[in-house]
Amino acid sequence: MEDVCITWRKGLKRVWELPTRTHSGLVAPLCALLPLRFELACLCSGFIVKCLNSSNSIVRFVARQGVLHQRMHSPIVRNAQHFATLLGTPLSKLASINKKMAWTTVNNRVLSDSDFSNMNVI
């Protein structure tokens, strides 16, 4: 996944014509985007919640079976747990994951104070 994120940041630098030496932590915020890993966390958690609440009984059964009974043997739960951990929220609060929470997490954990001061200079 890290290789995909690196390629994504390089592509953003090229599209926005940013210098190649631009700090990787600054690329997404300069473009008013969340880092790719956090975008995927929001999308994946939303998808899992929709599966759990699906009107289709088969989809709902498979999702609930994975979440409630298979736990870490299920890819859906491993993804949910990974993204919940990334955003610092318990798995039981998966439905609360949204872009606002992701932005807060990015601002608090990923970008340091020196990164913010560098953004103000740019």
C-alpha atoms as a PDB file:
ATOM      1  CA  MET A   1       0.000   0.000   0.000  1.00  0.00           C
ATOM      2  CA  GLU A   2       2.884   2.324   0.737  1.00  0.00           C
ATOM      3  CA  ASP A   3       4.124   2.015  -2.872  1.00  0.00           C
ATOM      4  CA  VAL A   4       0.701   3.124  -4.133  1.00  0.00           C
ATOM      5  CA  CYS A   5       0.724   6.098  -1.740  1.00  0.00           C
ATOM      6  CA  ILE A   6       4.217   7.100  -2.881  1.00  0.00           C
ATOM      7  CA  THR A   7       3.197   6.911  -6.533  1.00  0.00           C
ATOM      8  CA  TRP A   8       0.042   8.922  -5.745  1.00  0.00           C
ATOM      9  CA  ARG A   9       2.109  11.683  -4.082  1.00  0.00           C
ATOM     10  CA  LYS A  10       4.554  11.754  -7.012  1.00  0.00           C
ATOM     11  CA  GLY A  11       1.626  12.080  -9.404  1.00  0.00           C
ATOM     12  CA  LEU A  12       0.155  14.942  -7.369  1.00  0.00           C
ATOM     13  CA  LYS A  13       3.521  16.729  -7.407  1.00  0.00           C
ATOM     14  CA  ARG A  14       3.674  16.381 -11.171  1.00  0.00           C
ATOM     15  CA  VAL A  15       0.071  17.496 -11.775  1.00  0.00           C
ATOM     16  CA  TRP A  16       0.346  20.493  -9.417  1.00  0.00           C
ATOM     17  CA  GLU A  17       3.872  21.261 -10.717  1.00  0.00           C
ATOM     18  CA  LEU A  18       5.313  21.163  -7.199  1.00  0.00           C
ATOM     19  CA  PRO A  19       9.067  20.866  -6.727  1.00  0.00           C
ATOM     20  CA  THR A  20      10.200  17.250  -6.435  1.00  0.00           C
ATOM     21  CA  ARG A  21      11.729  18.064  -3.037  1.00  0.00           C
ATOM     22  CA  THR A  22       8.363  19.066  -1.556  1.00  0.00           C
ATOM     23  CA  HIS A  23       7.888  17.207   1.743  1.00  0.00           C
ATOM     24  CA  SER A  24       5.541  14.255   1.287  1.00  0.00           C
ATOM     25  CA  GLY A  25       3.471  15.346   4.295  1.00  0.00           C
ATOM     26  CA  LEU A  26       2.690  18.632   2.572  1.00  0.00           C
ATOM     27  CA  VAL A  27       1.605  17.361  -0.838  1.00  0.00           C
ATOM     28  CA  ALA A  28      -1.985  16.335  -0.094  1.00  0.00           C
ATOM     29  CA  PRO A  29      -2.850  19.348   2.127  1.00  0.00           C
ATOM     30  CA  LEU A  30      -1.429  21.751  -0.465  1.00  0.00           C
ATOM     31  CA  CYS A  31      -3.812  20.180  -2.970  1.00  0.00           C
ATOM     32  CA  ALA A  32      -6.703  20.304  -0.425  1.00  0.00           C
ATOM     33  CA  LEU A  33      -6.856  16.509  -0.353  1.00  0.00           C
ATOM     34  CA  LEU A  34      -6.510  13.946   2.379  1.00  0.00           C
ATOM     35  CA  PRO A  35      -3.513  11.629   2.078  1.00  0.00           C
ATOM     36  CA  LEU A  36      -4.510   8.595   0.014  1.00  0.00           C
ATOM     37  CA  ARG A  37      -4.378   6.214   2.995  1.00  0.00           C
ATOM     38  CA  PHE A  38      -6.959   8.334   4.852  1.00  0.00           C
ATOM     39  CA  GLU A  39      -9.176   8.711   1.775  1.00  0.00           C
ATOM     40  CA  LEU A  40      -9.206   4.922   1.481  1.00  0.00           C
ATOM     41  CA  ALA A  41     -10.040   4.603   5.186  1.00  0.00           C
ATOM     42  CA  CYS A  42     -13.137   6.789   4.730  1.00  0.00           C
ATOM     43  CA  LEU A  43     -14.251   4.952   1.606  1.00  0.00           C
ATOM     44  CA  CYS A  44     -13.650   1.487   3.025  1.00  0.00           C
ATOM     45  CA  SER A  45     -15.385   2.169   6.324  1.00  0.00           C
ATOM     46  CA  GLY A  46     -18.377   3.649   4.498  1.00  0.00           C
ATOM     47  CA  PHE A  47     -18.570   0.582   2.273  1.00  0.00           C
ATOM     48  CA  ILE A  48     -18.422  -1.803   5.242  1.00  0.00           C
ATOM     49  CA  VAL A  49     -21.153   0.094   7.104  1.00  0.00           C
ATOM     50  CA  LYS A  50     -23.349   0.035   3.983  1.00  0.00           C
ATOM     51  CA  CYS A  51     -22.797  -3.729   3.684  1.00  0.00           C
ATOM     52  CA  LEU A  52     -23.727  -4.225   7.343  1.00  0.00           C
ATOM     53  CA  ASN A  53     -26.935  -2.217   6.838  1.00  0.00           C
ATOM     54  CA  SER A  54     -27.739  -3.516   3.356  1.00  0.00           C
ATOM     55  CA  SER A  55     -31.319  -4.316   2.418  1.00  0.00           C
ATOM     56  CA  ASN A  56     -29.989  -7.384   0.572  1.00  0.00           C
ATOM     57  CA  SER A  57     -30.077 -10.221   3.105  1.00  0.00           C
ATOM     58  CA  ILE A  58     -27.141 -12.079   1.536  1.00  0.00           C
ATOM     59  CA  VAL A  59     -24.842  -9.042   1.582  1.00  0.00           C
ATOM     60  CA  ARG A  60     -25.891  -8.202   5.134  1.00  0.00           C
ATOM     61  CA  PHE A  61     -25.369 -11.831   6.288  1.00  0.00           C
ATOM     62  CA  VAL A  62     -21.892 -12.133   4.764  1.00  0.00           C
ATOM     63  CA  ALA A  63     -20.781  -8.773   6.221  1.00  0.00           C
ATOM     64  CA  ARG A  64     -22.167  -9.530   9.679  1.00  0.00           C
ATOM     65  CA  GLN A  65     -20.719 -13.060   9.608  1.00  0.00           C
ATOM     66  CA  GLY A  66     -17.288 -11.596   8.931  1.00  0.00           C
ATOM     67  CA  VAL A  67     -17.566  -8.855  11.525  1.00  0.00           C
ATOM     68  CA  LEU A  68     -19.288 -10.756  14.334  1.00  0.00           C
ATOM     69  CA  HIS A  69     -18.022 -14.323  13.974  1.00  0.00           C
ATOM     70  CA  GLN A  70     -14.944 -14.584  11.758  1.00  0.00           C
ATOM     71  CA  ARG A  71     -13.226 -11.535  13.196  1.00  0.00           C
ATOM     72  CA  MET A  72      -9.581 -11.396  12.042  1.00  0.00           C
ATOM     73  CA  HIS A  73     -10.044 -14.348   9.668  1.00  0.00           C
ATOM     74  CA  SER A  74     -12.174 -12.097   7.485  1.00  0.00           C
ATOM     75  CA  PRO A  75     -10.585  -9.583   5.065  1.00  0.00           C
ATOM     76  CA  ILE A  76     -13.448  -7.153   5.679  1.00  0.00           C
ATOM     77  CA  VAL A  77     -12.674  -7.041   9.409  1.00  0.00           C
ATOM     78  CA  ARG A  78      -8.917  -6.811   8.883  1.00  0.00           C
ATOM     79  CA  ASN A  79      -9.478  -3.775   6.648  1.00  0.00           C
ATOM     80  CA  ALA A  80     -11.928  -2.259   9.119  1.00  0.00           C
ATOM     81  CA  GLN A  81      -9.525  -2.825  12.024  1.00  0.00           C
ATOM     82  CA  HIS A  82      -6.585  -1.372  10.078  1.00  0.00           C
ATOM     83  CA  PHE A  83      -8.454   1.803   9.179  1.00  0.00           C
ATOM     84  CA  ALA A  84     -10.012   2.177  12.644  1.00  0.00           C
ATOM     85  CA  THR A  85      -6.528   1.910  14.160  1.00  0.00           C
ATOM     86  CA  LEU A  86      -5.171   4.390  11.606  1.00  0.00           C
ATOM     87  CA  LEU A  87      -7.807   6.915  12.658  1.00  0.00           C
ATOM     88  CA  GLY A  88      -7.502   6.114  16.367  1.00  0.00           C
ATOM     89  CA  THR A  89     -11.072   4.921  16.864  1.00  0.00           C
ATOM     90  CA  PRO A  90     -12.368   1.593  18.170  1.00  0.00           C
ATOM     91  CA  LEU A  91     -13.787  -0.861  15.662  1.00  0.00           C
ATOM     92  CA  SER A  92     -17.196  -0.535  17.323  1.00  0.00           C
ATOM     93  CA  LYS A  93     -17.306   3.115  16.148  1.00  0.00           C
ATOM     94  CA  LEU A  94     -16.634   2.255  12.495  1.00  0.00           C
ATOM     95  CA  ALA A  95     -19.795   4.063  11.385  1.00  0.00           C
ATOM     96  CA  SER A  96     -18.456   7.326  12.838  1.00  0.00           C
ATOM     97  CA  ILE A  97     -15.444   7.433  10.490  1.00  0.00           C
ATOM     98  CA  ASN A  98     -15.797  10.330   8.071  1.00  0.00           C
ATOM     99  CA  LYS A  99     -13.646  12.887   6.281  1.00  0.00           C
ATOM    100  CA  LYS A 100     -13.859  15.377   9.146  1.00  0.00           C
ATOM    101  CA  MET A 101     -12.416  12.772  11.529  1.00  0.00           C
ATOM    102  CA  ALA A 102      -9.731  11.928   8.971  1.00  0.00           C
ATOM    103  CA  TRP A 103      -8.761  15.600   8.562  1.00  0.00           C
ATOM    104  CA  THR A 104      -8.536  15.977  12.339  1.00  0.00           C
ATOM    105  CA  THR A 105      -6.319  12.905  12.563  1.00  0.00           C
ATOM    106  CA  VAL A 106      -4.086  14.087   9.733  1.00  0.00           C
ATOM    107  CA  ASN A 107      -3.723  17.529  11.295  1.00  0.00           C
ATOM    108  CA  ASN A 108      -2.990  16.117  14.755  1.00  0.00           C
ATOM    109  CA  ARG A 109      -0.726  13.179  13.955  1.00  0.00           C
ATOM    110  CA  VAL A 110       0.710  13.260  10.478  1.00  0.00           C
ATOM    111  CA  LEU A 111       1.675  16.894  10.043  1.00  0.00           C
ATOM    112  CA  SER A 112       4.040  18.339  12.615  1.00  0.00           C
ATOM    113  CA  ASP A 113       4.171  21.996  13.613  1.00  0.00           C
ATOM    114  CA  SER A 114       7.189  22.520  11.347  1.00  0.00           C
ATOM    115  CA  ASP A 115       5.168  21.173   8.408  1.00  0.00           C
ATOM    116  CA  PHE A 116       2.428  23.730   9.092  1.00  0.00           C
ATOM    117  CA  SER A 117       4.953  26.566   9.308  1.00  0.00           C
ATOM    118  CA  ASN A 118       6.455  25.407   6.000  1.00  0.00           C
ATOM    119  CA  MET A 119       2.977  25.475   4.409  1.00  0.00           C
ATOM    120  CA  ASN A 120       2.522  29.073   5.546  1.00  0.00           C
ATOM    121  CA  VAL A 121       5.810  30.003   3.841  1.00  0.00           C
ATOM    122  CA  ILE A 122       4.719  28.444   0.570  1.00  0.00           C
END
